[in-house]
């Protein structure tokens, strides 16, 4: 599991940061990529990465401001020409379906695949997707328009067969190991009965990634970020700019750090950085946040962050 940042800027494209988009790379887990927001120029950013558009089968939109959706029609069209014939799901606030359909209709764009839209009521607060590997939750944030945060929860991985323990009991490898791995009760040739459940180690807790759209500091961000392995949070403003952040319905770096600390997150990744913060100033944003939450990073376009398992 990896997060690749395709755009980390706020408002409009800049020389060093494109507007909002990130990819949750789940290639090892389900051979899939999920996009969160598709700002202008996202498909150009993808061309500079190793992401294949045909691998993208889910898109989650935090809100309908242009810097988060203006790249969507272009990406959807290009996906058709790049081998992306599989169905696609788009989740987002009410209006995302109309925006996409009008853009495609007016431009006479025809897709080689079907899109299923999941428009979320503004009071959505809970599970919006689940399969046998992942669950995704959404909750409203506090922005000028409806804005959502998303929490992606990987299901726990089954424990490993304790081969050393089996070996110590004098049980040779073979088909019996497969049956024990399934949790079956096995009677051996010597008459002993072994319960497979006693031979399987503890489950490996799945990872949690929380992605917060544009918002003021809000309790829902903390709720979505509880015990997250990685929290991606906007940082449009810096330390001491709380009043300005509140006025523009955004957050500061230190507010995001407080959320991460209160939620017991493991890693804070700050994005949606204002064009005012370049070079040393962006580094200063990071340092300020680290005084509250040490494991903080201000991400850049094309940064790829591995999301590790938490080992006991």
Protein backbone atom coordinates (compact mmCIF):
# COMPACT_ATOMS: atom_id res chain seq x y z
CA UNK A 1 0.00 0.00 0.00
CA UNK A 2 1.39 3.35 -1.06
CA UNK A 3 0.19 6.93 -1.45
CA UNK A 4 1.48 8.79 -4.49
CA UNK A 5 0.89 12.53 -4.50
CA UNK A 6 -0.01 13.86 -7.94
CA UNK A 7 -0.85 17.37 -6.83
CA UNK A 8 -0.16 19.02 -3.47
CA UNK A 9 -0.98 22.68 -4.09
CA UNK A 10 -3.99 24.81 -3.22
CA UNK A 11 -6.26 26.86 -5.46
CA UNK A 12 -4.48 26.97 -8.81
CA UNK A 13 -1.54 25.20 -10.45
CA UNK A 14 1.90 26.53 -9.62
CA UNK A 15 5.41 26.00 -10.96
CA UNK A 16 6.27 23.52 -8.23
CA UNK A 17 2.90 22.14 -7.12
CA UNK A 18 -0.07 21.03 -9.18
CA UNK A 19 -3.57 21.16 -7.71
CA UNK A 20 -5.11 18.42 -5.60
CA UNK A 21 -4.92 14.76 -6.49
CA UNK A 22 -3.45 11.68 -4.92
CA UNK A 23 -3.41 7.99 -5.75
CA UNK A 24 -3.80 5.21 -3.20
CA UNK A 25 -1.81 2.42 -4.81
CA UNK A 26 -3.29 -0.95 -3.86
CA UNK A 27 -1.50 -2.99 -6.52
CA UNK A 28 -0.18 -5.69 -4.18
CA UNK A 29 -3.46 -5.90 -2.31
CA UNK A 30 -6.13 -5.86 -5.06
CA UNK A 31 -4.24 -4.88 -8.24
CA UNK A 32 -6.00 -1.53 -8.23
CA UNK A 33 -5.41 2.21 -7.86
CA UNK A 34 -7.90 4.59 -6.23
CA UNK A 35 -7.77 8.33 -6.94
CA UNK A 36 -8.77 10.94 -4.40
CA UNK A 37 -9.62 14.20 -6.17
CA UNK A 38 -8.66 14.87 -9.78
CA UNK A 39 -7.51 18.46 -10.10
CA UNK A 40 -6.62 20.11 -13.39
CA UNK A 41 -3.69 18.40 -15.11
CA UNK A 42 -3.92 15.16 -13.14
CA UNK A 43 -3.57 13.05 -16.28
CA UNK A 44 -0.36 14.93 -17.13
CA UNK A 45 0.96 14.12 -13.67
CA UNK A 46 0.01 10.47 -14.14
CA UNK A 47 2.09 10.40 -17.34
CA UNK A 48 5.11 11.24 -15.20
CA UNK A 49 4.37 8.37 -12.81
CA UNK A 50 4.15 4.59 -13.17
CA UNK A 51 0.37 4.61 -12.68
CA UNK A 52 -1.66 2.99 -15.46
CA UNK A 53 -5.10 4.65 -15.93
CA UNK A 54 -6.69 1.25 -16.58
CA UNK A 55 -5.78 0.27 -13.01
CA UNK A 56 -7.89 3.11 -11.63
CA UNK A 57 -11.31 1.67 -10.80
CA UNK A 58 -12.47 4.00 -8.01
CA UNK A 59 -12.38 7.77 -7.66
CA UNK A 60 -13.31 9.60 -4.47
CA UNK A 61 -14.02 13.33 -4.69
CA UNK A 62 -13.81 15.35 -1.48
CA UNK A 63 -15.71 18.40 -2.79
CA UNK A 64 -16.65 20.17 -6.00
CA UNK A 65 -14.29 23.14 -6.05
CA UNK A 66 -12.45 23.38 -9.35
CA UNK A 67 -8.97 22.68 -8.02
CA UNK A 68 -10.24 19.23 -7.02
CA UNK A 69 -12.33 18.23 -10.09
CA UNK A 70 -11.28 20.16 -13.21
CA UNK A 71 -9.05 17.28 -14.34
CA UNK A 72 -11.78 14.66 -14.10
CA UNK A 73 -13.37 14.84 -17.62
CA UNK A 74 -9.98 14.70 -19.30
CA UNK A 75 -8.82 11.76 -17.22
CA UNK A 76 -12.04 9.84 -17.86
CA UNK A 77 -11.73 10.36 -21.60
CA UNK A 78 -8.08 9.39 -21.75
CA UNK A 79 -8.74 6.26 -19.71
CA UNK A 80 -10.78 4.91 -22.63
CA UNK A 81 -7.83 5.29 -24.99
CA UNK A 82 -5.33 3.72 -22.61
CA UNK A 83 -6.86 0.29 -22.14
CA UNK A 84 -9.25 1.25 -19.39
CA UNK A 85 -12.34 -0.69 -20.39
CA UNK A 86 -13.33 -1.90 -16.95
CA UNK A 87 -16.14 -0.26 -14.96
CA UNK A 88 -15.41 2.73 -12.76
CA UNK A 89 -17.03 3.96 -9.55
CA UNK A 90 -17.06 7.64 -8.62
CA UNK A 91 -17.95 8.74 -5.09
CA UNK A 92 -18.54 12.35 -4.14
CA UNK A 93 -20.99 15.08 -3.16
CA UNK A 94 -24.28 15.62 -4.97
CA UNK A 95 -23.54 17.30 -8.29
CA UNK A 96 -20.56 15.19 -9.33
CA UNK A 97 -22.72 13.09 -11.67
CA UNK A 98 -24.14 16.16 -13.42
CA UNK A 99 -20.69 17.72 -13.73
CA UNK A 100 -19.19 14.64 -15.38
CA UNK A 101 -22.15 13.88 -17.62
CA UNK A 102 -22.51 17.47 -18.88
CA UNK A 103 -18.75 17.71 -19.55
CA UNK A 104 -18.77 14.47 -21.54
CA UNK A 105 -21.99 15.29 -23.40
CA UNK A 106 -21.00 18.81 -24.45
CA UNK A 107 -17.58 17.61 -25.63
CA UNK A 108 -19.17 14.58 -27.37
CA UNK A 109 -16.85 12.26 -25.48
CA UNK A 110 -17.79 8.60 -25.51
CA UNK A 111 -16.37 6.22 -22.96
CA UNK A 112 -15.62 2.55 -23.52
CA UNK A 113 -16.68 1.70 -19.98
CA UNK A 114 -19.53 2.26 -17.54
CA UNK A 115 -19.40 4.73 -14.66
CA UNK A 116 -21.42 4.13 -11.51
CA UNK A 117 -21.94 7.31 -9.53
CA UNK A 118 -22.37 7.27 -5.75
CA UNK A 119 -23.54 10.73 -4.75
CA UNK A 120 -23.23 11.16 -1.00
CA UNK A 121 -25.86 13.12 0.94
CA UNK A 122 -24.27 16.04 2.75
CA UNK A 123 -24.96 14.39 6.11
CA UNK A 124 -23.25 11.11 5.14
CA UNK A 125 -21.46 9.72 8.16
CA UNK A 126 -20.40 6.10 7.94
CA UNK A 127 -19.69 3.20 5.60
CA UNK A 128 -19.94 3.95 1.87
CA UNK A 129 -18.10 0.95 0.39
CA UNK A 130 -17.04 -2.50 1.49
CA UNK A 131 -15.64 -5.65 -0.11
CA UNK A 132 -13.65 -8.58 1.25
CA UNK A 133 -10.45 -6.51 1.51
CA UNK A 134 -11.37 -2.92 2.34
CA UNK A 135 -14.01 -0.71 3.91
CA UNK A 136 -14.34 3.01 3.17
CA UNK A 137 -16.06 5.50 5.47
CA UNK A 138 -16.96 9.13 4.83
CA UNK A 139 -17.96 12.03 7.07
CA UNK A 140 -18.72 15.70 6.39
CA UNK A 141 -16.12 18.34 7.08
CA UNK A 142 -16.50 22.11 7.46
CA UNK A 143 -15.90 24.00 4.22
CA UNK A 144 -17.74 26.64 2.17
CA UNK A 145 -19.42 23.85 0.22
CA UNK A 146 -20.10 20.21 1.07
CA UNK A 147 -16.74 18.55 1.67
CA UNK A 148 -15.94 15.03 2.84
CA UNK A 149 -13.11 13.23 4.52
CA UNK A 150 -12.52 9.55 3.74
CA UNK A 151 -11.21 6.72 5.91
CA UNK A 152 -9.92 3.62 4.11
CA UNK A 153 -9.67 0.57 6.36
CA UNK A 154 -7.87 -2.57 5.23
CA UNK A 155 -9.35 -5.70 6.74
CA UNK A 156 -7.13 -7.70 9.08
CA UNK A 157 -4.80 -10.25 7.51
CA UNK A 158 -5.18 -13.84 8.79
CA UNK A 159 -2.44 -15.04 11.10
CA UNK A 160 0.39 -17.17 9.75
CA UNK A 161 0.65 -20.91 10.31
CA UNK A 162 3.13 -21.49 13.15
CA UNK A 163 5.45 -23.82 11.29
CA UNK A 164 8.05 -23.88 14.08
CA UNK A 165 5.44 -25.07 16.56
CA UNK A 166 4.28 -27.81 14.17
CA UNK A 167 7.85 -28.89 13.60
CA UNK A 168 8.46 -29.06 17.36
CA UNK A 169 5.46 -31.37 17.64
CA UNK A 170 7.02 -33.64 15.04
CA UNK A 171 4.40 -32.92 12.38
CA UNK A 172 6.05 -33.02 8.95
CA UNK A 173 5.09 -30.58 6.21
CA UNK A 174 2.61 -31.72 3.63
CA UNK A 175 -1.11 -31.49 2.85
CA UNK A 176 -1.88 -31.49 6.56
CA UNK A 177 -0.36 -28.01 6.82
CA UNK A 178 -2.89 -26.69 4.33
CA UNK A 179 -5.78 -28.14 6.32
CA UNK A 180 -4.46 -26.70 9.56
CA UNK A 181 -4.01 -23.30 7.89
CA UNK A 182 -7.74 -23.40 7.11
CA UNK A 183 -8.43 -23.94 10.81
CA UNK A 184 -9.55 -27.54 10.45
CA UNK A 185 -9.27 -30.16 13.21
CA UNK A 186 -6.92 -32.86 11.90
CA UNK A 187 -6.36 -36.40 13.22
CA UNK A 188 -2.80 -37.52 12.53
CA UNK A 189 -1.66 -41.06 11.64
CA UNK A 190 -0.39 -41.53 15.20
CA UNK A 191 -3.82 -40.75 16.62
CA UNK A 192 -3.14 -37.23 17.85
CA UNK A 193 -5.79 -34.59 17.17
CA UNK A 194 -4.59 -31.11 16.26
CA UNK A 195 -6.88 -28.08 16.11
CA UNK A 196 -5.73 -25.81 13.31
CA UNK A 197 -6.93 -22.73 15.20
CA UNK A 198 -4.27 -23.42 17.83
CA UNK A 199 -1.59 -23.40 15.14
CA UNK A 200 -2.33 -20.00 13.62
CA UNK A 201 -0.71 -16.85 14.91
CA UNK A 202 -2.48 -13.61 15.70
CA UNK A 203 -4.10 -11.74 12.84
CA UNK A 204 -2.12 -8.82 11.39
CA UNK A 205 -4.20 -5.66 11.83
CA UNK A 206 -5.01 -3.98 8.52
CA UNK A 207 -3.78 -0.50 7.73
CA UNK A 208 -5.85 2.69 7.87
CA UNK A 209 -5.44 5.70 5.60
CA UNK A 210 -7.42 8.89 6.25
CA UNK A 211 -7.72 11.60 3.60
CA UNK A 212 -9.17 14.91 4.72
CA UNK A 213 -10.56 17.31 2.12
CA UNK A 214 -10.65 21.09 2.50
CA UNK A 215 -11.93 22.00 5.94
CA UNK A 216 -11.68 24.08 9.05
CA UNK A 217 -10.47 22.19 12.09
CA UNK A 218 -13.35 19.86 12.92
CA UNK A 219 -14.12 16.93 15.21
CA UNK A 220 -15.03 14.73 12.24
CA UNK A 221 -11.44 14.92 10.99
CA UNK A 222 -10.24 13.52 14.30
CA UNK A 223 -12.91 10.80 14.21
CA UNK A 224 -11.91 9.71 10.71
CA UNK A 225 -8.23 9.74 11.67
CA UNK A 226 -8.48 7.55 14.79
CA UNK A 227 -5.41 5.24 14.92
CA UNK A 228 -4.70 5.86 11.24
CA UNK A 229 -1.40 4.60 9.87
CA UNK A 230 -1.35 7.71 7.69
CA UNK A 231 -3.36 10.92 7.88
CA UNK A 232 -3.36 13.19 4.83
CA UNK A 233 -4.55 16.62 5.91
CA UNK A 234 -4.72 19.99 4.21
CA UNK A 235 -2.34 22.73 5.38
CA UNK A 236 -3.34 25.84 3.46
CA UNK A 237 -2.15 28.16 6.22
CA UNK A 238 0.70 28.26 8.71
CA UNK A 239 1.15 28.66 12.43
CA UNK A 240 -0.53 31.76 13.82
CA UNK A 241 -2.96 32.11 10.92
CA UNK A 242 -5.94 30.51 12.68
CA UNK A 243 -8.26 33.46 12.08
CA UNK A 244 -7.36 33.58 8.38
CA UNK A 245 -7.83 29.81 8.08
CA UNK A 246 -11.23 30.01 9.74
CA UNK A 247 -12.29 32.88 7.50
CA UNK A 248 -11.42 30.89 4.36
CA UNK A 249 -12.72 27.56 5.72
CA UNK A 250 -9.28 25.95 5.76
CA UNK A 251 -6.80 24.62 8.30
CA UNK A 252 -3.33 25.50 9.51
CA UNK A 253 -0.40 23.11 9.78
CA UNK A 254 -0.54 23.15 13.58
CA UNK A 255 -4.28 22.46 13.62
CA UNK A 256 -3.65 19.41 11.43
CA UNK A 257 -0.88 18.32 13.80
CA UNK A 258 -3.25 18.63 16.76
CA UNK A 259 -5.77 16.41 14.93
CA UNK A 260 -3.07 13.79 14.27
CA UNK A 261 -1.96 13.83 17.91
CA UNK A 262 -5.47 13.63 19.34
CA UNK A 263 -6.40 10.82 16.95
CA UNK A 264 -3.28 8.75 17.74
CA UNK A 265 -2.33 8.70 14.06
CA UNK A 266 1.06 7.25 13.18
CA UNK A 267 2.04 9.62 10.36
CA UNK A 268 0.86 13.08 9.21
CA UNK A 269 1.23 14.08 5.56
CA UNK A 270 0.49 17.76 4.93
CA UNK A 271 -0.73 18.80 1.48
CA UNK A 272 -2.90 21.49 -0.17
CA UNK A 273 -0.04 23.91 0.42
CA UNK A 274 -0.57 27.56 -0.50
CA UNK A 275 1.67 28.97 -3.24
CA UNK A 276 2.91 31.44 -0.62
CA UNK A 277 4.93 28.64 0.95
CA UNK A 278 7.88 27.65 -1.21
CA UNK A 279 11.35 26.31 -0.46
CA UNK A 280 12.42 27.16 3.08
CA UNK A 281 8.95 28.42 3.97
CA UNK A 282 7.43 25.01 3.19
CA UNK A 283 10.11 23.41 5.34
CA UNK A 284 9.17 25.81 8.13
CA UNK A 285 5.55 24.62 7.89
CA UNK A 286 6.85 21.11 8.51
CA UNK A 287 9.02 22.13 11.46
CA UNK A 288 6.18 24.04 13.11
CA UNK A 289 3.87 21.03 12.87
CA UNK A 290 6.58 18.69 14.16
CA UNK A 291 6.68 20.55 17.47
CA UNK A 292 3.18 19.12 18.06
CA UNK A 293 3.33 15.88 16.07
CA UNK A 294 6.91 14.79 15.31
CA UNK A 295 6.16 12.33 12.48
CA UNK A 296 4.97 15.06 10.09
CA UNK A 297 5.98 15.59 6.49
CA UNK A 298 5.04 18.33 4.02
CA UNK A 299 4.67 16.33 0.83
CA UNK A 300 5.62 17.35 -2.69
CA UNK A 301 4.24 16.34 -6.07
CA UNK A 302 5.34 12.80 -6.99
CA UNK A 303 6.27 11.85 -3.45
CA UNK A 304 5.48 8.17 -2.88
CA UNK A 305 4.89 7.18 0.75
CA UNK A 306 4.82 3.55 1.85
CA UNK A 307 2.19 2.67 4.45
CA UNK A 308 3.79 0.00 6.66
CA UNK A 309 2.07 -2.48 8.94
CA UNK A 310 2.34 -1.71 12.63
CA UNK A 311 4.23 -4.58 14.25
CA UNK A 312 3.57 -5.64 17.82
